Protein backbone atom coordinates (compact mmCIF):
# COMPACT_ATOMS: atom_id res chain seq x y z
CA UNK A 1 -69.80 135.79 41.32
CA UNK A 2 -66.17 136.86 41.66
CA UNK A 3 -64.99 140.20 40.31
CA UNK A 4 -62.92 138.46 37.61
CA UNK A 5 -65.87 136.37 36.40
CA UNK A 6 -68.09 139.45 36.36
CA UNK A 7 -65.57 141.39 34.25
CA UNK A 8 -65.18 138.43 31.88
CA UNK A 9 -68.97 138.24 31.47
CA UNK A 10 -69.15 141.98 30.74
CA UNK A 11 -66.41 141.53 28.12
CA UNK A 12 -68.51 138.87 26.37
CA UNK A 13 -71.43 141.29 26.14
CA UNK A 14 -69.36 144.27 24.96
CA UNK A 15 -70.55 145.85 21.73
CA UNK A 16 -68.36 147.50 19.10
CA UNK A 17 -69.28 150.12 16.51
CA UNK A 18 -69.59 148.57 13.07
CA UNK A 19 -68.19 150.22 9.95
CA UNK A 20 -70.70 152.00 7.69
CA UNK A 21 -70.34 149.30 5.03
CA UNK A 22 -71.28 146.39 7.34
CA UNK A 23 -74.63 144.76 6.64
CA UNK A 24 -76.82 141.77 7.46
CA UNK A 25 -79.08 139.84 5.13
CA UNK A 26 -81.95 137.87 6.65
CA UNK A 27 -83.88 134.90 5.50
CA UNK A 28 -83.29 132.17 2.99
CA UNK A 29 -83.91 134.59 0.11
CA UNK A 30 -82.32 137.67 1.70
CA UNK A 31 -85.72 139.31 1.88
CA UNK A 32 -84.39 141.96 4.26
CA UNK A 33 -81.03 143.74 4.35
CA UNK A 34 -80.00 146.06 7.16
CA UNK A 35 -77.01 148.13 8.20
CA UNK A 36 -75.19 146.90 11.31
CA UNK A 37 -75.10 149.49 14.11
CA UNK A 38 -73.04 147.54 16.62
CA UNK A 39 -71.79 144.01 17.05
CA UNK A 40 -70.42 141.81 19.82
CA UNK A 41 -69.66 138.19 20.58
CA UNK A 42 -73.23 137.61 21.80
CA UNK A 43 -75.27 139.48 19.19
CA UNK A 44 -75.70 142.59 17.08
CA UNK A 45 -78.05 145.47 16.28
CA UNK A 46 -79.03 146.61 12.81
CA UNK A 47 -81.28 149.21 11.15
CA UNK A 48 -83.59 148.38 8.30
CA UNK A 49 -86.48 149.82 6.31
CA UNK A 50 -89.73 148.76 7.95
CA UNK A 51 -91.73 146.02 6.37
CA UNK A 52 -92.31 142.65 7.89
CA UNK A 53 -90.37 142.61 11.17
CA UNK A 54 -88.21 139.61 12.13
CA UNK A 55 -90.16 137.29 14.36
CA UNK A 56 -89.12 136.15 17.82
CA UNK A 57 -88.42 132.70 16.51
CA UNK A 58 -85.00 131.58 15.38
CA UNK A 59 -83.68 132.48 11.95
CA UNK A 60 -80.34 132.84 10.17
CA UNK A 61 -78.57 135.91 8.91
CA UNK A 62 -75.44 136.64 6.92
CA UNK A 63 -72.93 139.30 7.97
CA UNK A 64 -70.96 141.02 5.23
CA UNK A 65 -69.04 144.09 4.12
CA UNK A 66 -70.27 145.79 0.96
CA UNK A 67 -66.78 145.74 -0.58
CA UNK A 68 -66.66 141.94 -0.34
CA UNK A 69 -63.75 141.79 2.13
CA UNK A 70 -65.79 139.80 4.69
CA UNK A 71 -68.70 137.38 4.51
CA UNK A 72 -70.06 135.14 7.27
CA UNK A 73 -73.12 133.11 6.40
CA UNK A 74 -75.92 131.30 8.20
CA UNK A 75 -75.45 132.81 11.68
CA UNK A 76 -78.27 131.44 13.85
CA UNK A 77 -80.04 134.07 15.92
CA UNK A 78 -83.29 135.23 17.49
CA UNK A 79 -84.83 138.67 17.88
CA UNK A 80 -84.39 140.34 21.28
CA UNK A 81 -86.00 143.69 20.40
CA UNK A 82 -87.33 145.45 17.34
CA UNK A 83 -88.29 149.11 17.70
CA UNK A 84 -89.19 152.01 15.47
CA UNK A 85 -86.38 154.56 15.25
CA UNK A 86 -86.88 158.31 15.44
CA UNK A 87 -88.37 159.62 12.26
CA UNK A 88 -86.84 162.46 10.32
CA UNK A 89 -88.92 164.82 8.18
CA UNK A 90 -86.27 164.33 5.51
CA UNK A 91 -86.65 160.56 5.43
CA UNK A 92 -90.15 159.40 4.44
CA UNK A 93 -89.21 155.75 5.04
CA UNK A 94 -90.08 154.09 8.32
CA UNK A 95 -86.90 152.76 9.89
CA UNK A 96 -86.60 150.14 12.63
CA UNK A 97 -83.72 148.95 14.77
CA UNK A 98 -83.49 145.27 15.64
CA UNK A 99 -81.30 143.59 18.26
CA UNK A 100 -80.56 139.89 17.85
CA UNK A 101 -78.81 137.32 20.00
CA UNK A 102 -76.76 134.60 18.34
CA UNK A 103 -77.73 130.99 18.71
CA UNK A 104 -75.19 128.20 18.87
CA UNK A 105 -72.27 129.11 16.61
CA UNK A 106 -69.82 126.66 15.10
CA UNK A 107 -66.15 127.07 16.09
CA UNK A 108 -65.49 128.46 12.60
CA UNK A 109 -68.29 131.05 12.96
CA UNK A 110 -66.92 132.10 16.37
CA UNK A 111 -63.44 132.59 14.93
CA UNK A 112 -64.79 134.57 11.96
CA UNK A 113 -66.89 136.76 14.26
CA UNK A 114 -63.84 137.45 16.45
CA UNK A 115 -61.83 138.27 13.32
CA UNK A 116 -64.52 140.71 12.17
CA UNK A 117 -64.65 142.45 15.57
CA UNK A 118 -60.86 142.69 15.82
CA UNK A 119 -60.26 143.93 12.27
CA UNK A 120 -63.30 145.96 11.26
CA UNK A 121 -64.92 147.55 14.33
CA UNK A 122 -64.14 150.46 16.63
CA UNK A 123 -64.92 151.32 20.22
């Protein structure tokens, strides 16, 4: 692989810090909502209160800002990892952090994801 191709590939996998008001909702009935930790063109990570963990199979999620300025629905994805986060004695809830990889996105979803990264993230 040439140096240019390697750098381009790394750029695709780059993750950006999400704003504190960026969330995901999973499932057809939004049975789980989590706060986005970081996001990139290939996937994202989010924290959520433990319950039933996302399965390794494919599912859809919605990405949104709590103030309503951005909403991207039905993003196909699959779970890459799902781990328990460090517990705090001040937080009795069990928290988990889940990393997902996007499935095949429509051209519109790709453009909306790029818009979100460009306009709402840092790092």
